[in-house]
């Protein structure tokens, strides 16, 4: 059956699989060949951005990569249209939204070509576990927009051909986790994928209720959030297989992925990654000509490593530092709310520069906002209604306007905090 699904999927998505074939060819090259290709791709994207975007036209000329300006999230918000390539087909581009890992809502341009390359890159990452196209994947996803019809993980009937199913995990209860466990046993996926916090929460539930994972499982892919050592241990214990950490973001996906030897490899055919002296990670997307991201400050930390891996991959190594850590909120009724809920809730309010949501008690929720000007009364009323409807009608909601939101001791910004424990 998996061979038939693979054949059907290739016919349905020929462009995606052509891209996957090209990515797999690149990783068959030597380390020197891979790095040489990266330098060529880097020169090409810089030249393209300077020629085709208003934002980069007067910023990139004749400069070496380390002398180029760093692109910040504030730059994205202030120059969204100027970053769109002037030869883009306006009728085919779409606007994506993310709260990122820093609680700073922002938008970005994307199209079907970027989407297909992202999915091809994800498939290559899955193959590092031994998975092959046509084998089943089950996603636990915390972003509501991705699980709606037409989203990244809900393509309707085509998901059957792709052997991929998705569980919407932006809000869930213990009863739903019982249903998840039963579904996994019946569906028998080869891979699980999801947000680190959701996977760890579900793993803890499975261990506590003695749920037996199917023998089909070969790996669990953690994404979108920092994966802690305790979370990794919990997930591996519950599901009886290795956890593979992934690194990327909505704006620049497929930055790095862990191999079967537990080492994180940077995909140099898709990105040019820098680690500054303070271990701040700066990324350049080598494949995105629709909206070039050159020396983009991700808001995460890590460092590049020397040496090779026993897995044989030519891609260089990296180590993650402290980054994306946010909490799951819990209501008095036992309902869990994933932090990505607030990204979507606030995405269409352009006045917001930064936010932080703090749950101080099961029925107490405070939203701190850094804004250029206060929200209109109808926007505030809409926020209250949505929180009452989506989270809990008994939730006491407080909105504060603040001048700044303090960072943690590690210099990171946590935008969702559960202090009610």
Protein backbone atom coordinates (compact mmCIF):
# COMPACT_ATOMS: atom_id res chain seq x y z
CA UNK A 1 0.00 0.00 0.00
CA UNK A 2 2.81 2.45 0.83
CA UNK A 3 4.35 1.88 -2.63
CA UNK A 4 1.00 2.64 -4.28
CA UNK A 5 0.54 5.79 -2.21
CA UNK A 6 4.05 6.91 -3.14
CA UNK A 7 3.33 6.38 -6.86
CA UNK A 8 0.04 8.28 -6.62
CA UNK A 9 1.63 11.09 -4.61
CA UNK A 10 4.40 11.56 -7.19
CA UNK A 11 1.77 11.88 -9.91
CA UNK A 12 -0.26 14.32 -7.81
CA UNK A 13 2.72 16.48 -6.74
CA UNK A 14 5.37 16.09 -9.48
CA UNK A 15 6.95 19.45 -8.64
CA UNK A 16 7.37 18.53 -4.97
CA UNK A 17 9.07 15.26 -5.77
CA UNK A 18 11.31 16.85 -8.41
CA UNK A 19 12.47 19.24 -5.69
CA UNK A 20 12.96 16.33 -3.27
CA UNK A 21 15.06 14.48 -5.87
CA UNK A 22 17.25 17.58 -6.26
CA UNK A 23 17.68 17.92 -2.48
CA UNK A 24 18.64 14.25 -2.17
CA UNK A 25 21.17 14.67 -4.98
CA UNK A 26 22.80 17.57 -3.12
CA UNK A 27 23.33 15.49 -0.01
CA UNK A 28 25.15 12.89 -2.11
CA UNK A 29 27.90 15.47 -2.81
CA UNK A 30 31.11 15.84 -0.82
CA UNK A 31 31.45 18.42 1.99
CA UNK A 32 33.59 20.68 -0.25
CA UNK A 33 31.08 20.44 -3.11
CA UNK A 34 28.17 21.22 -0.79
CA UNK A 35 29.90 24.30 0.65
CA UNK A 36 30.96 25.49 -2.82
CA UNK A 37 27.35 25.24 -3.98
CA UNK A 38 26.25 27.22 -0.91
CA UNK A 39 28.63 30.08 -1.74
CA UNK A 40 27.33 30.19 -5.32
CA UNK A 41 23.71 30.19 -4.13
CA UNK A 42 24.51 32.93 -1.62
CA UNK A 43 26.01 35.19 -4.29
CA UNK A 44 23.01 34.57 -6.56
CA UNK A 45 20.36 35.41 -3.94
CA UNK A 46 22.16 38.61 -2.90
CA UNK A 47 22.40 39.75 -6.52
CA UNK A 48 18.77 38.82 -7.14
CA UNK A 49 17.52 40.67 -4.06
CA UNK A 50 19.47 43.81 -4.98
CA UNK A 51 18.00 43.76 -8.48
CA UNK A 52 14.39 42.78 -7.74
CA UNK A 53 13.39 44.25 -4.36
CA UNK A 54 13.05 47.89 -3.38
CA UNK A 55 14.21 47.13 0.15
CA UNK A 56 17.56 45.63 -0.84
CA UNK A 57 18.23 47.77 -3.91
CA UNK A 58 20.28 50.33 -1.98
CA UNK A 59 21.45 48.12 0.87
CA UNK A 60 23.40 45.29 -0.72
CA UNK A 61 25.56 46.72 -3.48
CA UNK A 62 29.15 45.52 -3.41
CA UNK A 63 29.22 44.39 0.21
CA UNK A 64 30.61 41.13 1.61
CA UNK A 65 28.14 38.93 3.46
CA UNK A 66 29.41 39.82 6.94
CA UNK A 67 29.09 43.54 6.14
CA UNK A 68 25.46 43.29 5.02
CA UNK A 69 22.82 44.73 7.35
CA UNK A 70 20.91 42.38 9.64
CA UNK A 71 17.21 42.02 8.83
CA UNK A 72 15.07 42.34 11.97
CA UNK A 73 11.43 41.50 12.63
CA UNK A 74 10.82 45.24 12.94
CA UNK A 75 12.21 45.62 9.39
CA UNK A 76 9.74 42.98 8.17
CA UNK A 77 6.79 44.77 9.71
CA UNK A 78 7.85 48.17 8.37
CA UNK A 79 8.88 47.12 4.83
CA UNK A 80 6.64 44.17 3.93
CA UNK A 81 5.74 45.38 0.43
CA UNK A 82 9.29 46.56 -0.32
CA UNK A 83 10.60 43.05 0.42
CA UNK A 84 8.31 41.44 -2.17
CA UNK A 85 10.12 40.86 -5.46
CA UNK A 86 9.03 43.29 -8.18
CA UNK A 87 8.55 40.43 -10.67
CA UNK A 88 6.17 38.50 -8.37
CA UNK A 89 2.70 37.64 -9.66
CA UNK A 90 0.50 39.55 -7.23
CA UNK A 91 -2.46 37.31 -7.96
CA UNK A 92 -0.53 34.23 -6.85
CA UNK A 93 1.14 35.43 -3.65
CA UNK A 94 -0.38 34.90 -0.22
CA UNK A 95 0.15 36.52 3.14
CA UNK A 96 1.24 34.25 6.01
CA UNK A 97 1.27 35.22 9.67
CA UNK A 98 3.38 34.16 12.60
CA UNK A 99 4.04 35.25 16.16
CA UNK A 100 7.48 33.74 15.82
CA UNK A 101 9.33 32.75 18.96
CA UNK A 102 9.47 36.29 20.31
CA UNK A 103 5.87 37.40 20.68
CA UNK A 104 6.22 39.92 17.85
CA UNK A 105 3.40 39.33 15.33
CA UNK A 106 4.52 39.66 11.75
CA UNK A 107 3.42 38.82 8.22
CA UNK A 108 5.37 37.45 5.25
CA UNK A 109 4.75 36.69 1.59
CA UNK A 110 4.67 33.15 0.24
CA UNK A 111 3.40 31.25 -2.78
CA UNK A 112 2.84 27.68 -3.91
CA UNK A 113 6.47 27.32 -5.03
CA UNK A 114 7.75 28.15 -1.54
CA UNK A 115 5.17 25.80 -0.01
CA UNK A 116 6.18 22.89 -2.25
CA UNK A 117 9.88 23.40 -1.53
CA UNK A 118 9.12 23.51 2.20
CA UNK A 119 7.26 20.20 1.97
CA UNK A 120 10.06 18.64 -0.09
CA UNK A 121 12.56 19.77 2.55
CA UNK A 122 10.41 18.27 5.28
CA UNK A 123 10.33 14.94 3.42
CA UNK A 124 14.13 14.92 3.23
CA UNK A 125 14.28 15.55 6.97
CA UNK A 126 11.89 12.66 7.62
CA UNK A 127 14.09 10.37 5.53
CA UNK A 128 16.93 10.92 8.01
CA UNK A 129 14.97 8.61 10.35
CA UNK A 130 14.66 5.85 7.76
CA UNK A 131 11.12 6.91 6.74
CA UNK A 132 10.29 6.62 3.05
CA UNK A 133 7.61 8.46 1.02
CA UNK A 134 4.32 6.57 1.18
CA UNK A 135 4.74 5.59 4.84
CA UNK A 136 2.26 7.06 7.34
CA UNK A 137 2.84 10.26 9.30
CA UNK A 138 0.63 11.62 12.08
CA UNK A 139 0.93 15.32 13.02
CA UNK A 140 -0.02 16.88 16.34
CA UNK A 141 -0.30 20.52 15.37
CA UNK A 142 -0.83 23.56 17.52
CA UNK A 143 -1.43 26.21 14.84
CA UNK A 144 -5.14 26.40 14.03
CA UNK A 145 -4.64 27.88 10.54
CA UNK A 146 -2.52 24.88 9.45
CA UNK A 147 -5.22 22.34 10.35
CA UNK A 148 -8.09 24.06 8.57
CA UNK A 149 -9.09 22.95 5.06
CA UNK A 150 -6.37 24.02 2.65
CA UNK A 151 -3.78 24.55 5.40
CA UNK A 152 -0.29 23.08 5.50
CA UNK A 153 -1.56 19.93 7.21
CA UNK A 154 -5.09 19.65 5.86
CA UNK A 155 -5.15 19.22 2.11
CA UNK A 156 -8.35 17.16 2.20
CA UNK A 157 -8.40 13.91 0.25
CA UNK A 158 -4.82 14.42 -0.96
CA UNK A 159 -3.62 13.77 2.59
CA UNK A 160 -4.80 10.18 2.14
CA UNK A 161 -2.55 9.78 -0.88
CA UNK A 162 0.30 11.42 1.04
CA UNK A 163 -0.28 8.97 3.93
CA UNK A 164 -0.52 11.92 6.30
CA UNK A 165 -3.10 12.78 8.93
CA UNK A 166 -3.22 15.70 11.35
CA UNK A 167 -4.71 16.08 14.80
CA UNK A 168 -5.60 19.67 15.70
CA UNK A 169 -3.84 20.15 19.04
CA UNK A 170 -4.21 23.88 19.69
CA UNK A 171 -6.71 23.03 22.47
CA UNK A 172 -7.34 19.61 24.03
CA UNK A 173 -8.57 17.74 27.11
CA UNK A 174 -7.71 14.43 28.78
CA UNK A 175 -10.69 12.85 27.03
CA UNK A 176 -9.29 13.92 23.66
CA UNK A 177 -5.87 12.47 24.52
CA UNK A 178 -7.57 9.11 25.18
CA UNK A 179 -9.02 9.40 21.67
CA UNK A 180 -5.59 10.28 20.25
CA UNK A 181 -4.05 7.17 21.80
CA UNK A 182 -6.79 4.97 20.35
CA UNK A 183 -6.40 6.57 16.93
CA UNK A 184 -2.63 5.98 16.90
CA UNK A 185 -3.11 2.30 17.66
CA UNK A 186 -5.54 1.97 14.76
CA UNK A 187 -3.73 4.20 12.27
CA UNK A 188 -0.28 2.70 12.94
CA UNK A 189 1.89 5.61 11.74
CA UNK A 190 5.61 5.31 11.07
CA UNK A 191 6.33 8.85 12.28
CA UNK A 192 4.77 11.26 14.74
CA UNK A 193 5.42 14.98 14.37
CA UNK A 194 4.39 17.93 16.48
CA UNK A 195 5.22 20.80 18.78
CA UNK A 196 7.62 19.77 21.54
CA UNK A 197 5.25 20.88 24.31
CA UNK A 198 2.26 18.98 22.88
CA UNK A 199 4.29 15.82 22.29
CA UNK A 200 5.69 15.92 25.84
CA UNK A 201 2.23 16.51 27.32
CA UNK A 202 0.79 13.59 25.35
CA UNK A 203 3.77 11.38 26.22
CA UNK A 204 3.23 12.07 29.91
CA UNK A 205 -0.43 11.14 29.53
CA UNK A 206 0.43 7.89 27.68
CA UNK A 207 2.87 6.84 30.40
CA UNK A 208 0.43 7.69 33.20
CA UNK A 209 -2.42 5.76 31.56
CA UNK A 210 -0.17 2.94 30.30
CA UNK A 211 -0.96 3.39 26.62
CA UNK A 212 0.96 0.98 24.40
CA UNK A 213 2.42 2.56 21.23
CA UNK A 214 2.13 0.65 17.92
CA UNK A 215 5.21 -1.24 16.75
CA UNK A 216 5.08 0.67 13.47
CA UNK A 217 6.59 3.81 15.04
CA UNK A 218 10.11 4.56 13.85
CA UNK A 219 10.58 8.13 15.03
CA UNK A 220 9.06 11.26 16.55
CA UNK A 221 9.83 14.66 15.00
CA UNK A 222 9.80 17.64 17.35
CA UNK A 223 9.44 21.08 15.84
CA UNK A 224 8.47 24.75 16.35
CA UNK A 225 9.69 24.96 19.96
CA UNK A 226 12.78 24.25 22.00
CA UNK A 227 13.10 20.54 22.83
CA UNK A 228 14.32 20.07 26.38
CA UNK A 229 16.30 17.03 27.56
CA UNK A 230 13.49 15.99 29.92
CA UNK A 231 10.92 16.29 27.12
CA UNK A 232 13.08 14.17 24.81
CA UNK A 233 13.47 11.46 27.44
CA UNK A 234 9.73 11.48 28.19
CA UNK A 235 8.74 11.20 24.53
CA UNK A 236 11.22 8.40 23.78
CA UNK A 237 10.06 6.47 26.84
CA UNK A 238 6.38 6.81 25.93
CA UNK A 239 6.65 5.96 22.24
CA UNK A 240 9.62 3.60 22.24
CA UNK A 241 11.56 5.26 19.43
CA UNK A 242 14.06 8.04 18.77
CA UNK A 243 13.16 11.73 18.83
CA UNK A 244 14.47 13.86 15.96
CA UNK A 245 14.77 17.58 16.60
CA UNK A 246 14.03 19.98 13.73
CA UNK A 247 14.93 23.65 13.40
CA UNK A 248 13.25 26.24 11.22
CA UNK A 249 10.52 28.85 11.26
CA UNK A 250 7.54 29.78 9.12
CA UNK A 251 9.45 32.50 7.33
CA UNK A 252 12.54 30.33 6.73
CA UNK A 253 11.72 26.62 7.08
CA UNK A 254 14.09 23.62 6.87
CA UNK A 255 17.16 25.16 8.48
CA UNK A 256 18.47 22.04 10.23
CA UNK A 257 17.47 18.58 11.37
CA UNK A 258 18.82 15.85 13.60
CA UNK A 259 20.14 12.62 12.11
CA UNK A 260 19.96 9.10 13.58
CA UNK A 261 23.24 9.78 15.42
CA UNK A 262 21.60 12.65 17.30
CA UNK A 263 23.57 15.44 15.57
CA UNK A 264 21.95 18.53 14.10
CA UNK A 265 22.83 19.12 10.42
CA UNK A 266 22.46 22.50 8.69
CA UNK A 267 20.86 22.22 5.24
CA UNK A 268 23.35 24.39 3.36
CA UNK A 269 21.51 23.93 0.07
CA UNK A 270 18.59 25.86 1.55
CA UNK A 271 20.17 28.32 4.01
CA UNK A 272 23.35 30.15 4.92
CA UNK A 273 23.49 30.14 8.72
CA UNK A 274 25.72 32.34 10.86
CA UNK A 275 26.36 32.32 14.59
CA UNK A 276 27.58 35.69 15.86
CA UNK A 277 29.95 36.20 18.78
CA UNK A 278 26.97 36.29 21.18
CA UNK A 279 25.72 33.01 19.57
CA UNK A 280 22.79 34.84 17.98
CA UNK A 281 21.66 32.89 14.90
CA UNK A 282 21.39 34.82 11.63
CA UNK A 283 19.98 33.06 8.55
CA UNK A 284 19.89 33.77 4.83
CA UNK A 285 17.33 31.83 2.79
CA UNK A 286 19.07 30.68 -0.39
CA UNK A 287 15.93 29.58 -2.24
CA UNK A 288 13.33 32.29 -1.53
CA UNK A 289 13.24 34.71 -4.45
CA UNK A 290 9.68 35.81 -3.76
CA UNK A 291 10.62 37.55 -0.51
CA UNK A 292 14.37 37.36 0.13
CA UNK A 293 15.48 36.95 3.74
CA UNK A 294 19.12 38.00 3.91
CA UNK A 295 20.91 37.95 7.29
CA UNK A 296 17.61 37.54 9.15
CA UNK A 297 17.74 37.66 12.96
CA UNK A 298 15.76 34.62 14.08
CA UNK A 299 15.67 35.54 17.76
CA UNK A 300 17.31 32.20 18.64
CA UNK A 301 20.79 31.21 19.71
CA UNK A 302 23.19 28.44 18.78
CA UNK A 303 26.63 27.78 17.38
CA UNK A 304 28.16 26.13 14.35
CA UNK A 305 30.38 23.10 14.98
CA UNK A 306 33.47 21.75 13.26
CA UNK A 307 33.91 18.14 12.27
CA UNK A 308 31.87 15.48 10.51
CA UNK A 309 29.16 13.08 11.65
CA UNK A 310 29.32 9.29 11.56
CA UNK A 311 26.03 9.27 9.61
CA UNK A 312 27.99 10.31 6.51
CA UNK A 313 26.00 13.45 5.72
CA UNK A 314 28.07 16.21 4.05
CA UNK A 315 26.04 18.91 5.79
CA UNK A 316 27.85 20.76 8.60
CA UNK A 317 26.85 20.53 12.24
CA UNK A 318 25.32 22.95 14.71
CA UNK A 319 24.23 22.99 18.34
CA UNK A 320 21.08 24.74 19.48
CA UNK A 321 21.22 27.25 22.30
CA UNK A 322 18.34 28.63 24.31
CA UNK A 323 15.35 29.58 22.19
CA UNK A 324 11.61 29.23 21.82
CA UNK A 325 10.19 28.30 25.20
CA UNK A 326 6.58 29.01 26.02
CA UNK A 327 4.00 27.38 28.24
CA UNK A 328 0.73 25.55 27.70
CA UNK A 329 -2.18 27.21 29.47
CA UNK A 330 -4.64 25.12 31.48
CA UNK A 331 -8.17 26.08 32.45
CA UNK A 332 -10.01 25.04 35.59
CA UNK A 333 -11.95 22.47 33.52
CA UNK A 334 -8.69 20.81 32.40
CA UNK A 335 -8.61 22.22 28.88
CA UNK A 336 -5.13 22.86 27.48
CA UNK A 337 -4.35 25.80 25.17
CA UNK A 338 -1.21 25.77 23.03
CA UNK A 339 0.73 29.10 22.97
CA UNK A 340 0.39 29.37 19.18
CA UNK A 341 -3.28 30.22 19.76
CA UNK A 342 -2.24 33.77 20.66
CA UNK A 343 -0.21 34.18 17.47
CA UNK A 344 -3.37 33.69 15.44
CA UNK A 345 -5.55 35.68 17.83
CA UNK A 346 -3.39 38.79 17.46
CA UNK A 347 -2.02 38.37 13.93
CA UNK A 348 -4.43 40.84 12.31
CA UNK A 349 -3.88 43.67 14.78
CA UNK A 350 -1.07 45.69 13.17
CA UNK A 351 -0.76 48.13 16.09
CA UNK A 352 0.83 45.43 18.26
CA UNK A 353 4.64 45.57 18.39
CA UNK A 354 5.04 42.84 21.03
CA UNK A 355 2.86 40.86 23.40
CA UNK A 356 3.05 38.62 26.43
CA UNK A 357 0.24 36.53 27.88
CA UNK A 358 0.45 35.46 31.54
CA UNK A 359 -1.88 33.03 33.29
CA UNK A 360 -1.61 33.75 37.01
CA UNK A 361 -4.46 31.41 38.07
CA UNK A 362 -6.72 28.91 36.28
CA UNK A 363 -9.28 31.68 35.76
CA UNK A 364 -6.93 34.69 35.45
CA UNK A 365 -5.38 35.75 32.15
CA UNK A 366 -3.38 38.95 31.54
CA UNK A 367 -2.35 40.19 28.11
CA UNK A 368 0.48 42.75 28.09
CA UNK A 369 0.84 44.72 24.87
CA UNK A 370 3.51 47.05 23.50
CA UNK A 371 1.68 49.17 20.93
CA UNK A 372 2.11 52.29 18.86
CA UNK A 373 -1.42 53.32 19.87
CA UNK A 374 -4.15 51.70 21.93
CA UNK A 375 -6.50 49.23 20.28
CA UNK A 376 -9.98 50.41 19.28
CA UNK A 377 -12.75 49.47 21.67
CA UNK A 378 -14.32 47.02 19.20
CA UNK A 379 -10.98 45.18 18.84
CA UNK A 380 -10.71 44.81 22.62
CA UNK A 381 -14.31 43.58 22.80
CA UNK A 382 -13.57 41.04 20.05
CA UNK A 383 -10.53 39.74 21.97
CA UNK A 384 -12.66 39.24 25.08
CA UNK A 385 -15.33 37.40 23.13
CA UNK A 386 -12.83 35.09 21.41
CA UNK A 387 -11.04 34.24 24.66
CA UNK A 388 -14.35 33.48 26.36
CA UNK A 389 -15.45 31.33 23.40
CA UNK A 390 -12.17 29.54 22.65
CA UNK A 391 -10.65 29.18 26.11
CA UNK A 392 -13.22 29.46 28.90
CA UNK A 393 -16.25 31.75 29.43
CA UNK A 394 -15.25 32.03 33.11
CA UNK A 395 -11.78 33.34 32.30
CA UNK A 396 -11.09 36.78 33.80
CA UNK A 397 -9.25 38.69 31.12
CA UNK A 398 -7.11 41.78 31.77
CA UNK A 399 -5.50 43.90 29.06
CA UNK A 400 -2.46 46.03 29.94
CA UNK A 401 -0.52 48.49 27.81
CA UNK A 402 3.18 48.50 28.73
CA UNK A 403 6.30 50.31 27.50
CA UNK A 404 8.39 47.13 27.29
CA UNK A 405 8.28 43.44 28.08
CA UNK A 406 11.24 42.18 30.11
CA UNK A 407 13.34 39.33 28.79
CA UNK A 408 14.45 36.26 30.70
CA UNK A 409 17.93 35.94 32.23
CA UNK A 410 19.02 34.18 29.04
CA UNK A 411 17.94 37.19 26.98
CA UNK A 412 14.93 35.46 25.41
CA UNK A 413 11.35 36.67 25.26
CA UNK A 414 8.69 34.27 26.53
CA UNK A 415 5.38 35.39 25.14
CA UNK A 416 3.13 32.84 26.90
CA UNK A 417 3.74 32.09 30.58
CA UNK A 418 1.72 29.81 32.86
CA UNK A 419 2.43 31.01 36.41
CA UNK A 420 -0.59 29.27 37.93
CA UNK A 421 1.21 26.06 38.96
